[in-house]
PDB file of all heavy atoms in Angstrom:
ATOM      1  N   HIS A   1       0.815  -1.182  -0.035  1.00  0.00           N
ATOM      2  CA  HIS A   1       0.002   0.010   0.011  1.00  0.00           C
ATOM      3  C   HIS A   1       0.863   1.243  -0.002  1.00  0.00           C
ATOM      4  O   HIS A   1       0.552   2.238  -0.731  1.00  0.00           O
ATOM      5  CB  HIS A   1      -0.949   0.009   1.208  1.00  0.00           C
ATOM      6  CG  HIS A   1      -1.995   1.031   1.207  1.00  0.00           C
ATOM      7  ND1 HIS A   1      -3.012   1.020   0.311  1.00  0.00           N
ATOM      8  CD2 HIS A   1      -2.093   2.126   1.985  1.00  0.00           C
ATOM      9  CE1 HIS A   1      -3.779   2.154   0.431  1.00  0.00           C
ATOM     10  NE2 HIS A   1      -3.265   2.833   1.539  1.00  0.00           N
ATOM     11  N   HIS A   2       1.933   1.164   0.696  1.00  0.00           N
ATOM     12  CA  HIS A   2       2.775   2.271   0.761  1.00  0.00           C
ATOM     13  C   HIS A   2       3.515   2.621  -0.560  1.00  0.00           C
ATOM     14  O   HIS A   2       3.520   3.871  -1.010  1.00  0.00           O
ATOM     15  CB  HIS A   2       4.086   1.931   1.778  1.00  0.00           C
ATOM     16  CG  HIS A   2       4.921   3.082   2.096  1.00  0.00           C
ATOM     17  ND1 HIS A   2       6.241   2.911   2.390  1.00  0.00           N
ATOM     18  CD2 HIS A   2       4.721   4.524   2.222  1.00  0.00           C
ATOM     19  CE1 HIS A   2       6.868   4.053   2.633  1.00  0.00           C
ATOM     20  NE2 HIS A   2       5.901   4.970   2.550  1.00  0.00           N
ATOM     21  N   VAL A   3       3.958   1.607  -1.161  1.00  0.00           N
ATOM     22  CA  VAL A   3       4.476   1.741  -2.573  1.00  0.00           C
ATOM     23  C   VAL A   3       3.486   2.301  -3.585  1.00  0.00           C
ATOM     24  O   VAL A   3       3.683   3.304  -4.373  1.00  0.00           O
ATOM     25  CB  VAL A   3       5.145   0.460  -3.096  1.00  0.00           C
ATOM     26  CG1 VAL A   3       5.457   0.584  -4.584  1.00  0.00           C
ATOM     27  CG2 VAL A   3       6.387   0.152  -2.285  1.00  0.00           C
ATOM     28  N   SER A   4       2.270   1.669  -3.556  1.00  0.00           N
ATOM     29  CA  SER A   4       1.258   2.062  -4.436  1.00  0.00           C
ATOM     30  C   SER A   4       0.679   3.502  -4.286  1.00  0.00           C
ATOM     31  O   SER A   4       0.427   4.208  -5.288  1.00  0.00           O
ATOM     32  CB  SER A   4       0.085   1.107  -4.300  1.00  0.00           C
ATOM     33  OG  SER A   4      -0.950   1.452  -5.254  1.00  0.00           O
ATOM     34  N   THR A   5       0.504   3.891  -3.112  1.00  0.00           N
ATOM     35  CA  THR A   5      -0.139   5.250  -2.725  1.00  0.00           C
ATOM     36  C   THR A   5       0.877   6.387  -2.412  1.00  0.00           C
ATOM     37  O   THR A   5       0.456   7.502  -2.498  1.00  0.00           O
ATOM     38  CB  THR A   5      -1.074   5.049  -1.623  1.00  0.00           C
ATOM     39  OG1 THR A   5      -0.377   4.712  -0.467  1.00  0.00           O
ATOM     40  CG2 THR A   5      -2.098   4.040  -1.971  1.00  0.00           C
ATOM     41  N   VAL A   6       2.015   6.069  -2.163  1.00  0.00           N
ATOM     42  CA  VAL A   6       3.011   7.112  -1.720  1.00  0.00           C
ATOM     43  C   VAL A   6       4.311   7.121  -2.484  1.00  0.00           C
ATOM     44  O   VAL A   6       4.604   8.210  -3.064  1.00  0.00           O
ATOM     45  CB  VAL A   6       3.355   6.937  -0.183  1.00  0.00           C
ATOM     46  CG1 VAL A   6       4.467   7.970   0.301  1.00  0.00           C
ATOM     47  CG2 VAL A   6       2.142   7.019   0.729  1.00  0.00           C
ATOM     48  N   ILE A   7       5.037   6.013  -2.515  1.00  0.00           N
ATOM     49  CA  ILE A   7       6.344   5.992  -3.162  1.00  0.00           C
ATOM     50  C   ILE A   7       6.260   6.157  -4.610  1.00  0.00           C
ATOM     51  O   ILE A   7       6.951   6.977  -5.298  1.00  0.00           O
ATOM     52  CB  ILE A   7       7.133   4.702  -2.728  1.00  0.00           C
ATOM     53  CG1 ILE A   7       7.456   4.780  -1.250  1.00  0.00           C
ATOM     54  CG2 ILE A   7       8.540   4.677  -3.534  1.00  0.00           C
ATOM     55  CD1 ILE A   7       8.163   3.640  -0.777  1.00  0.00           C
ATOM     56  N   ARG A   8       5.578   5.265  -5.326  1.00  0.00           N
ATOM     57  CA  ARG A   8       5.541   5.279  -6.787  1.00  0.00           C
ATOM     58  C   ARG A   8       4.968   6.654  -7.315  1.00  0.00           C
ATOM     59  O   ARG A   8       5.483   7.262  -8.198  1.00  0.00           O
ATOM     60  CB  ARG A   8       4.731   4.166  -7.396  1.00  0.00           C
ATOM     61  CG  ARG A   8       5.519   2.934  -7.428  1.00  0.00           C
ATOM     62  CD  ARG A   8       4.904   1.856  -8.379  1.00  0.00           C
ATOM     63  NE  ARG A   8       5.607   0.696  -8.419  1.00  0.00           N
ATOM     64  CZ  ARG A   8       6.783   0.326  -9.037  1.00  0.00           C
ATOM     65  NH1 ARG A   8       7.237   1.277  -9.866  1.00  0.00           N
ATOM     66  NH2 ARG A   8       7.402  -0.790  -8.925  1.00  0.00           N
ATOM     67  N   PRO A   9       3.936   7.210  -6.741  1.00  0.00           N
ATOM     68  CA  PRO A   9       3.404   8.559  -7.173  1.00  0.00           C
ATOM     69  C   PRO A   9       4.422   9.598  -6.989  1.00  0.00           C
ATOM     70  O   PRO A   9       4.568  10.474  -7.889  1.00  0.00           O
ATOM     71  CB  PRO A   9       2.152   8.758  -6.279  1.00  0.00           C
ATOM     72  CG  PRO A   9       1.679   7.444  -5.928  1.00  0.00           C
ATOM     73  CD  PRO A   9       2.939   6.587  -5.767  1.00  0.00           C
ATOM     74  N   ALA A  10       5.262   9.540  -5.932  1.00  0.00           N
ATOM     75  CA  ALA A  10       6.316  10.470  -5.741  1.00  0.00           C
ATOM     76  C   ALA A  10       7.322  10.384  -6.797  1.00  0.00           C
ATOM     77  O   ALA A  10       7.856  11.407  -7.346  1.00  0.00           O
ATOM     78  CB  ALA A  10       6.844  10.480  -4.348  1.00  0.00           C
ATOM     79  N   LEU A  11       7.749   9.149  -7.098  1.00  0.00           N
ATOM     80  CA  LEU A  11       8.825   8.920  -8.131  1.00  0.00           C
ATOM     81  C   LEU A  11       8.318   9.427  -9.457  1.00  0.00           C
ATOM     82  O   LEU A  11       8.998   9.892 -10.252  1.00  0.00           O
ATOM     83  CB  LEU A  11       9.134   7.383  -8.154  1.00  0.00           C
ATOM     84  CG  LEU A  11       9.839   6.857  -6.983  1.00  0.00           C
ATOM     85  CD1 LEU A  11      10.003   5.320  -7.119  1.00  0.00           C
ATOM     86  CD2 LEU A  11      11.224   7.517  -6.803  1.00  0.00           C
ATOM     87  N   GLU A  12       6.933   9.132  -9.839  1.00  0.00           N
ATOM     88  CA  GLU A  12       6.431   9.578 -11.061  1.00  0.00           C
ATOM     89  C   GLU A  12       6.371  11.080 -11.131  1.00  0.00           C
ATOM     90  O   GLU A  12       6.449  11.631 -12.272  1.00  0.00           O
ATOM     91  CB  GLU A  12       5.060   8.934 -11.218  1.00  0.00           C
ATOM     92  CG  GLU A  12       5.107   7.484 -11.458  1.00  0.00           C
ATOM     93  CD  GLU A  12       3.788   6.778 -11.409  1.00  0.00           C
ATOM     94  OE1 GLU A  12       2.743   7.525 -11.166  1.00  0.00           O
ATOM     95  OE2 GLU A  12       3.693   5.566 -11.512  1.00  0.00           O
ATOM     96  N   ARG A  13       6.412  11.747 -10.007  1.00  0.00           N
ATOM     97  CA  ARG A  13       6.414  13.315 -10.005  1.00  0.00           C
ATOM     98  C   ARG A  13       7.770  13.744 -10.119  1.00  0.00           C
ATOM     99  O   ARG A  13       8.071  14.952 -10.166  1.00  0.00           O
ATOM    100  CB  ARG A  13       5.766  13.831  -8.688  1.00  0.00           C
ATOM    101  CG  ARG A  13       4.219  13.581  -8.627  1.00  0.00           C
ATOM    102  CD  ARG A  13       3.664  14.408  -7.491  1.00  0.00           C
ATOM    103  NE  ARG A  13       4.228  14.120  -6.175  1.00  0.00           N
ATOM    104  CZ  ARG A  13       3.688  13.234  -5.363  1.00  0.00           C
ATOM    105  NH1 ARG A  13       2.618  12.523  -5.634  1.00  0.00           N
ATOM    106  NH2 ARG A  13       4.325  12.954  -4.166  1.00  0.00           N
ATOM    107  N   GLY A  14       8.810  12.846 -10.153  1.00  0.00           N
ATOM    108  CA  GLY A  14      10.271  13.214 -10.201  1.00  0.00           C
ATOM    109  C   GLY A  14      10.820  13.550  -8.870  1.00  0.00           C
ATOM    110  O   GLY A  14      11.962  14.226  -8.855  1.00  0.00           O
ATOM    111  N   GLU A  15      10.268  13.139  -7.797  1.00  0.00           N
ATOM    112  CA  GLU A  15      10.819  13.423  -6.491  1.00  0.00           C
ATOM    113  C   GLU A  15      11.824  12.391  -6.105  1.00  0.00           C
ATOM    114  O   GLU A  15      11.782  11.157  -6.560  1.00  0.00           O
ATOM    115  CB  GLU A  15       9.697  13.432  -5.416  1.00  0.00           C
ATOM    116  CG  GLU A  15       8.763  14.582  -5.714  1.00  0.00           C
ATOM    117  CD  GLU A  15       7.524  14.566  -4.688  1.00  0.00           C
ATOM    118  OE1 GLU A  15       7.761  14.005  -3.548  1.00  0.00           O
ATOM    119  OE2 GLU A  15       6.529  15.099  -4.969  1.00  0.00           O
ATOM    120  N   VAL A  16      12.727  12.804  -5.134  1.00  0.00           N
ATOM    121  CA  VAL A  16      13.593  11.868  -4.567  1.00  0.00           C
ATOM    122  C   VAL A  16      12.900  11.300  -3.314  1.00  0.00           C
ATOM    123  O   VAL A  16      12.360  12.072  -2.560  1.00  0.00           O
ATOM    124  CB  VAL A  16      14.934  12.638  -4.101  1.00  0.00           C
ATOM    125  CG1 VAL A  16      15.896  11.607  -3.327  1.00  0.00           C
ATOM    126  CG2 VAL A  16      15.712  13.165  -5.299  1.00  0.00           C
ATOM    127  N   VAL A  17      12.873  10.001  -3.177  1.00  0.00           N
ATOM    128  CA  VAL A  17      12.231   9.380  -2.033  1.00  0.00           C
ATOM    129  C   VAL A  17      13.213   8.851  -1.057  1.00  0.00           C
ATOM    130  O   VAL A  17      14.146   8.030  -1.427  1.00  0.00           O
ATOM    131  CB  VAL A  17      11.276   8.241  -2.552  1.00  0.00           C
ATOM    132  CG1 VAL A  17      10.638   7.545  -1.318  1.00  0.00           C
ATOM    133  CG2 VAL A  17      10.233   8.714  -3.414  1.00  0.00           C
ATOM    134  N   ILE A  18      13.134   9.266   0.227  1.00  0.00           N
ATOM    135  CA  ILE A  18      14.010   8.757   1.275  1.00  0.00           C
ATOM    136  C   ILE A  18      13.067   8.001   2.266  1.00  0.00           C
ATOM    137  O   ILE A  18      12.134   8.668   2.808  1.00  0.00           O
ATOM    138  CB  ILE A  18      14.699   9.866   2.046  1.00  0.00           C
ATOM    139  CG1 ILE A  18      15.653  10.679   1.054  1.00  0.00           C
ATOM    140  CG2 ILE A  18      15.467   9.290   3.244  1.00  0.00           C
ATOM    141  CD1 ILE A  18      16.240  11.913   1.745  1.00  0.00           C
ATOM    142  N   THR A  19      13.187   6.720   2.379  1.00  0.00           N
ATOM    143  CA  THR A  19      12.375   6.012   3.272  1.00  0.00           C
ATOM    144  C   THR A  19      13.115   5.223   4.390  1.00  0.00           C
ATOM    145  O   THR A  19      14.201   4.679   4.106  1.00  0.00           O
ATOM    146  CB  THR A  19      11.480   5.018   2.463  1.00  0.00           C
ATOM    147  OG1 THR A  19      10.596   4.289   3.473  1.00  0.00           O
ATOM    148  CG2 THR A  19      12.322   3.946   1.738  1.00  0.00           C
ATOM    149  N   ASP A  20      12.677   5.445   5.606  1.00  0.00           N
ATOM    150  CA  ASP A  20      13.257   4.647   6.808  1.00  0.00           C
ATOM    151  C   ASP A  20      12.678   3.304   6.755  1.00  0.00           C
ATOM    152  O   ASP A  20      11.569   3.032   7.117  1.00  0.00           O
ATOM    153  CB  ASP A  20      12.878   5.387   8.071  1.00  0.00           C
ATOM    154  CG  ASP A  20      13.453   4.677   9.320  1.00  0.00           C
ATOM    155  OD1 ASP A  20      14.210   3.816   9.144  1.00  0.00           O
ATOM    156  OD2 ASP A  20      13.223   5.214  10.394  1.00  0.00           O
ATOM    157  N   ARG A  21      13.432   2.334   6.279  1.00  0.00           N
ATOM    158  CA  ARG A  21      13.146   0.932   6.041  1.00  0.00           C
ATOM    159  C   ARG A  21      12.413   0.641   4.777  1.00  0.00           C
ATOM    160  O   ARG A  21      11.630   1.509   4.256  1.00  0.00           O
ATOM    161  CB  ARG A  21      12.360   0.345   7.291  1.00  0.00           C
ATOM    162  CG  ARG A  21      13.071   0.455   8.604  1.00  0.00           C
ATOM    163  CD  ARG A  21      12.469  -0.306   9.679  1.00  0.00           C
ATOM    164  NE  ARG A  21      13.178  -0.160  10.894  1.00  0.00           N
ATOM    165  CZ  ARG A  21      14.260  -0.718  11.274  1.00  0.00           C
ATOM    166  NH1 ARG A  21      14.764  -1.674  10.460  1.00  0.00           N
ATOM    167  NH2 ARG A  21      14.889  -0.563  12.469  1.00  0.00           N
ATOM    168  N   PHE A  22      12.728  -0.558   4.228  1.00  0.00           N
ATOM    169  CA  PHE A  22      12.126  -0.915   2.968  1.00  0.00           C
ATOM    170  C   PHE A  22      12.208  -2.451   2.897  1.00  0.00           C
ATOM    171  O   PHE A  22      12.233  -3.150   3.973  1.00  0.00           O
ATOM    172  CB  PHE A  22      12.692  -0.247   1.730  1.00  0.00           C
ATOM    173  CG  PHE A  22      11.874  -0.336   0.461  1.00  0.00           C
ATOM    174  CD1 PHE A  22      10.561   0.123   0.515  1.00  0.00           C
ATOM    175  CD2 PHE A  22      12.417  -0.863  -0.675  1.00  0.00           C
ATOM    176  CE1 PHE A  22       9.737   0.004  -0.682  1.00  0.00           C
ATOM    177  CE2 PHE A  22      11.606  -0.967  -1.800  1.00  0.00           C
ATOM    178  CZ  PHE A  22      10.365  -0.426  -1.780  1.00  0.00           C
ATOM    179  N   VAL A  23      12.293  -3.060   1.787  1.00  0.00           N
ATOM    180  CA  VAL A  23      12.308  -4.492   1.609  1.00  0.00           C
ATOM    181  C   VAL A  23      13.398  -5.195   2.359  1.00  0.00           C
ATOM    182  O   VAL A  23      13.094  -6.205   3.058  1.00  0.00           O
ATOM    183  CB  VAL A  23      12.435  -4.836   0.120  1.00  0.00           C
ATOM    184  CG1 VAL A  23      12.712  -6.342  -0.070  1.00  0.00           C
ATOM    185  CG2 VAL A  23      11.186  -4.418  -0.671  1.00  0.00           C
ATOM    186  N   ASP A  24      14.567  -4.635   2.399  1.00  0.00           N
ATOM    187  CA  ASP A  24      15.667  -5.338   3.094  1.00  0.00           C
ATOM    188  C   ASP A  24      15.458  -5.542   4.608  1.00  0.00           C
ATOM    189  O   ASP A  24      15.913  -6.449   5.229  1.00  0.00           O
ATOM    190  CB  ASP A  24      17.020  -4.540   2.959  1.00  0.00           C
ATOM    191  CG  ASP A  24      17.398  -4.441   1.456  1.00  0.00           C
ATOM    192  OD1 ASP A  24      16.393  -4.304   0.646  1.00  0.00           O
ATOM    193  OD2 ASP A  24      18.580  -4.385   1.209  1.00  0.00           O
ATOM    194  N   SER A  25      14.531  -4.670   5.117  1.00  0.00           N
ATOM    195  CA  SER A  25      14.282  -4.833   6.566  1.00  0.00           C
ATOM    196  C   SER A  25      13.466  -6.130   6.827  1.00  0.00           C
ATOM    197  O   SER A  25      13.673  -6.887   7.735  1.00  0.00           O
ATOM    198  CB  SER A  25      13.393  -3.700   7.067  1.00  0.00           C
ATOM    199  OG  SER A  25      14.246  -2.506   7.250  1.00  0.00           O
ATOM    200  N   SER A  26      12.595  -6.487   5.870  1.00  0.00           N
ATOM    201  CA  SER A  26      11.845  -7.674   6.024  1.00  0.00           C
ATOM    202  C   SER A  26      12.735  -8.928   5.753  1.00  0.00           C
ATOM    203  O   SER A  26      12.606  -9.965   6.401  1.00  0.00           O
ATOM    204  CB  SER A  26      10.703  -7.713   4.845  1.00  0.00           C
ATOM    205  OG  SER A  26       9.624  -6.961   5.316  1.00  0.00           O
ATOM    206  N   LEU A  27      13.729  -8.791   4.855  1.00  0.00           N
ATOM    207  CA  LEU A  27      14.710  -9.910   4.615  1.00  0.00           C
ATOM    208  C   LEU A  27      15.476 -10.137   5.938  1.00  0.00           C
ATOM    209  O   LEU A  27      15.777 -11.287   6.274  1.00  0.00           O
ATOM    210  CB  LEU A  27      15.545  -9.523   3.487  1.00  0.00           C
ATOM    211  CG  LEU A  27      14.834  -9.316   2.184  1.00  0.00           C
ATOM    212  CD1 LEU A  27      15.811  -9.182   1.069  1.00  0.00           C
ATOM    213  CD2 LEU A  27      13.988 -10.550   1.796  1.00  0.00           C
ATOM    214  N   ALA A  28      15.892  -9.066   6.579  1.00  0.00           N
ATOM    215  CA  ALA A  28      16.603  -9.200   7.786  1.00  0.00           C
ATOM    216  C   ALA A  28      15.799  -9.600   8.980  1.00  0.00           C
ATOM    217  O   ALA A  28      16.216 -10.523   9.720  1.00  0.00           O
ATOM    218  CB  ALA A  28      17.411  -7.887   8.089  1.00  0.00           C
ATOM    219  N   TYR A  29      14.717  -8.948   9.235  1.00  0.00           N
ATOM    220  CA  TYR A  29      13.881  -9.249  10.427  1.00  0.00           C
ATOM    221  C   TYR A  29      13.044 -10.424  10.322  1.00  0.00           C
ATOM    222  O   TYR A  29      13.077 -11.414  11.144  1.00  0.00           O
ATOM    223  CB  TYR A  29      12.884  -8.009  10.666  1.00  0.00           C
ATOM    224  CG  TYR A  29      13.607  -6.970  11.473  1.00  0.00           C
ATOM    225  CD1 TYR A  29      14.348  -5.933  10.791  1.00  0.00           C
ATOM    226  CD2 TYR A  29      13.626  -6.923  12.853  1.00  0.00           C
ATOM    227  CE1 TYR A  29      14.947  -4.948  11.520  1.00  0.00           C
ATOM    228  CE2 TYR A  29      14.207  -5.868  13.637  1.00  0.00           C
ATOM    229  CZ  TYR A  29      14.888  -4.923  12.862  1.00  0.00           C
ATOM    230  OH  TYR A  29      15.560  -3.911  13.538  1.00  0.00           O
ATOM    231  N   GLN A  30      12.308 -10.601   9.254  1.00  0.00           N
ATOM    232  CA  GLN A  30      11.378 -11.890   9.137  1.00  0.00           C
ATOM    233  C   GLN A  30      12.202 -12.996   8.493  1.00  0.00           C
ATOM    234  O   GLN A  30      11.839 -14.083   8.797  1.00  0.00           O
ATOM    235  CB  GLN A  30      10.216 -11.447   8.282  1.00  0.00           C
ATOM    236  CG  GLN A  30       9.185 -10.721   8.985  1.00  0.00           C
ATOM    237  CD  GLN A  30       9.592  -9.242   9.245  1.00  0.00           C
ATOM    238  OE1 GLN A  30       9.883  -8.477   8.365  1.00  0.00           O
ATOM    239  NE2 GLN A  30       9.541  -8.940  10.553  1.00  0.00           N
ATOM    240  N   GLY A  31      13.120 -12.668   7.575  1.00  0.00           N
ATOM    241  CA  GLY A  31      14.010 -13.755   7.004  1.00  0.00           C
ATOM    242  C   GLY A  31      14.966 -14.262   8.027  1.00  0.00           C
ATOM    243  O   GLY A  31      14.761 -15.290   8.644  1.00  0.00           O
ATOM    244  N   ALA A  32      16.001 -13.462   8.293  1.00  0.00           N
ATOM    245  CA  ALA A  32      17.097 -13.879   9.178  1.00  0.00           C
ATOM    246  C   ALA A  32      16.560 -14.030  10.591  1.00  0.00           C
ATOM    247  O   ALA A  32      16.816 -14.911  11.330  1.00  0.00           O
ATOM    248  CB  ALA A  32      18.311 -12.927   9.033  1.00  0.00           C
ATOM    249  N   GLY A  33      15.880 -12.967  11.108  1.00  0.00           N
ATOM    250  CA  GLY A  33      15.480 -12.865  12.508  1.00  0.00           C
ATOM    251  C   GLY A  33      14.555 -13.977  12.847  1.00  0.00           C
ATOM    252  O   GLY A  33      14.681 -14.697  13.931  1.00  0.00           O
ATOM    253  N   ARG A  34      13.480 -14.263  12.076  1.00  0.00           N
ATOM    254  CA  ARG A  34      12.483 -15.149  12.362  1.00  0.00           C
ATOM    255  C   ARG A  34      12.815 -16.575  11.727  1.00  0.00           C
ATOM    256  O   ARG A  34      12.050 -17.530  11.848  1.00  0.00           O
ATOM    257  CB  ARG A  34      11.142 -14.731  11.718  1.00  0.00           C
ATOM    258  CG  ARG A  34      10.517 -13.575  12.329  1.00  0.00           C
ATOM    259  CD  ARG A  34      10.317 -13.648  13.825  1.00  0.00           C
ATOM    260  NE  ARG A  34       9.482 -12.591  14.372  1.00  0.00           N
ATOM    261  CZ  ARG A  34       9.656 -12.175  15.679  1.00  0.00           C
ATOM    262  NH1 ARG A  34      10.263 -12.817  16.435  1.00  0.00           N
ATOM    263  NH2 ARG A  34       8.966 -11.019  16.061  1.00  0.00           N
ATOM    264  N   THR A  35      13.905 -16.599  11.059  1.00  0.00           N
ATOM    265  CA  THR A  35      14.469 -17.821  10.384  1.00  0.00           C
ATOM    266  C   THR A  35      13.519 -18.384   9.355  1.00  0.00           C
ATOM    267  O   THR A  35      13.418 -19.559   9.189  1.00  0.00           O
ATOM    268  CB  THR A  35      14.853 -18.974  11.421  1.00  0.00           C
ATOM    269  OG1 THR A  35      13.608 -19.505  12.137  1.00  0.00           O
ATOM    270  CG2 THR A  35      15.844 -18.447  12.435  1.00  0.00           C
ATOM    271  N   LEU A  36      12.821 -17.463   8.631  1.00  0.00           N
ATOM    272  CA  LEU A  36      12.090 -17.938   7.551  1.00  0.00           C
ATOM    273  C   LEU A  36      13.020 -17.990   6.360  1.00  0.00           C
ATOM    274  O   LEU A  36      14.104 -17.343   6.347  1.00  0.00           O
ATOM    275  CB  LEU A  36      10.914 -16.891   7.199  1.00  0.00           C
ATOM    276  CG  LEU A  36       9.850 -16.698   8.281  1.00  0.00           C
ATOM    277  CD1 LEU A  36       8.855 -15.639   7.900  1.00  0.00           C
ATOM    278  CD2 LEU A  36       9.054 -18.075   8.508  1.00  0.00           C
ATOM    279  N   SER A  37      12.572 -18.542   5.224  1.00  0.00           N
ATOM    280  CA  SER A  37      13.358 -18.570   4.077  1.00  0.00           C
ATOM    281  C   SER A  37      13.504 -17.104   3.465  1.00  0.00           C
ATOM    282  O   SER A  37      12.480 -16.460   3.167  1.00  0.00           O
ATOM    283  CB  SER A  37      12.710 -19.366   2.912  1.00  0.00           C
ATOM    284  OG  SER A  37      13.277 -19.131   1.721  1.00  0.00           O
ATOM    285  N   VAL A  38      14.751 -16.632   3.414  1.00  0.00           N
ATOM    286  CA  VAL A  38      14.953 -15.277   2.870  1.00  0.00           C
ATOM    287  C   VAL A  38      14.455 -15.233   1.465  1.00  0.00           C
ATOM    288  O   VAL A  38      13.936 -14.155   1.023  1.00  0.00           O
ATOM    289  CB  VAL A  38      16.448 -14.899   2.993  1.00  0.00           C
ATOM    290  CG1 VAL A  38      16.697 -13.605   2.270  1.00  0.00           C
ATOM    291  CG2 VAL A  38      16.879 -14.848   4.428  1.00  0.00           C
ATOM    292  N   ASP A  39      14.657 -16.241   0.588  1.00  0.00           N
ATOM    293  CA  ASP A  39      14.225 -16.259  -0.694  1.00  0.00           C
ATOM    294  C   ASP A  39      12.709 -16.115  -0.850  1.00  0.00           C
ATOM    295  O   ASP A  39      12.202 -15.429  -1.734  1.00  0.00           O
ATOM    296  CB  ASP A  39      14.688 -17.535  -1.396  1.00  0.00           C
ATOM    297  CG  ASP A  39      16.144 -17.574  -1.815  1.00  0.00           C
ATOM    298  OD1 ASP A  39      16.771 -16.430  -1.840  1.00  0.00           O
ATOM    299  OD2 ASP A  39      16.678 -18.584  -2.026  1.00  0.00           O
ATOM    300  N   GLU A  40      12.013 -16.809   0.008  1.00  0.00           N
ATOM    301  CA  GLU A  40      10.580 -16.770   0.095  1.00  0.00           C
ATOM    302  C   GLU A  40      10.046 -15.298   0.406  1.00  0.00           C
ATOM    303  O   GLU A  40       9.121 -14.825  -0.130  1.00  0.00           O
ATOM    304  CB  GLU A  40       9.982 -17.773   0.941  1.00  0.00           C
ATOM    305  CG  GLU A  40       9.998 -19.218   0.415  1.00  0.00           C
ATOM    306  CD  GLU A  40       9.357 -20.172   1.287  1.00  0.00           C
ATOM    307  OE1 GLU A  40       8.886 -19.851   2.314  1.00  0.00           O
ATOM    308  OE2 GLU A  40       9.358 -21.426   0.943  1.00  0.00           O
ATOM    309  N   VAL A  41      10.671 -14.695   1.513  1.00  0.00           N
ATOM    310  CA  VAL A  41      10.402 -13.419   1.915  1.00  0.00           C
ATOM    311  C   VAL A  41      10.701 -12.422   0.793  1.00  0.00           C
ATOM    312  O   VAL A  41       9.859 -11.439   0.529  1.00  0.00           O
ATOM    313  CB  VAL A  41      11.093 -13.010   3.181  1.00  0.00           C
ATOM    314  CG1 VAL A  41      10.777 -11.508   3.583  1.00  0.00           C
ATOM    315  CG2 VAL A  41      10.688 -13.947   4.403  1.00  0.00           C
ATOM    316  N   ALA A  42      11.703 -12.631   0.042  1.00  0.00           N
ATOM    317  CA  ALA A  42      12.154 -11.794  -1.004  1.00  0.00           C
ATOM    318  C   ALA A  42      11.067 -11.912  -2.157  1.00  0.00           C
ATOM    319  O   ALA A  42      10.738 -10.813  -2.744  1.00  0.00           O
ATOM    320  CB  ALA A  42      13.516 -12.197  -1.598  1.00  0.00           C
ATOM    321  N   LYS A  43      10.588 -13.094  -2.482  1.00  0.00           N
ATOM    322  CA  LYS A  43       9.566 -13.225  -3.549  1.00  0.00           C
ATOM    323  C   LYS A  43       8.278 -12.457  -3.065  1.00  0.00           C
ATOM    324  O   LYS A  43       7.633 -11.752  -3.898  1.00  0.00           O
ATOM    325  CB  LYS A  43       9.244 -14.613  -3.748  1.00  0.00           C
ATOM    326  CG  LYS A  43      10.309 -15.399  -4.455  1.00  0.00           C
ATOM    327  CD  LYS A  43       9.980 -16.877  -4.591  1.00  0.00           C
ATOM    328  CE  LYS A  43      11.196 -17.612  -5.207  1.00  0.00           C
ATOM    329  NZ  LYS A  43      10.860 -19.165  -5.314  1.00  0.00           N
ATOM    330  N   LEU A  44       7.932 -12.540  -1.863  1.00  0.00           N
ATOM    331  CA  LEU A  44       6.738 -11.840  -1.298  1.00  0.00           C
ATOM    332  C   LEU A  44       6.945 -10.403  -1.402  1.00  0.00           C
ATOM    333  O   LEU A  44       5.982  -9.606  -1.807  1.00  0.00           O
ATOM    334  CB  LEU A  44       6.462 -12.309   0.148  1.00  0.00           C
ATOM    335  CG  LEU A  44       5.338 -11.519   0.848  1.00  0.00           C
ATOM    336  CD1 LEU A  44       4.022 -11.854   0.199  1.00  0.00           C
ATOM    337  CD2 LEU A  44       5.355 -11.914   2.359  1.00  0.00           C
TER     338      LEU A  44
END
């Protein structure tokens, strides 16, 4: 929802987007931290 309603519209307006956390946080927290498959979290 964040990407669809906030980030992509800003990029399409030509803005620089600075976000505190993004996909890599899920790979580290839910992948490594929760010991889920990092590849599966990446696909999601």
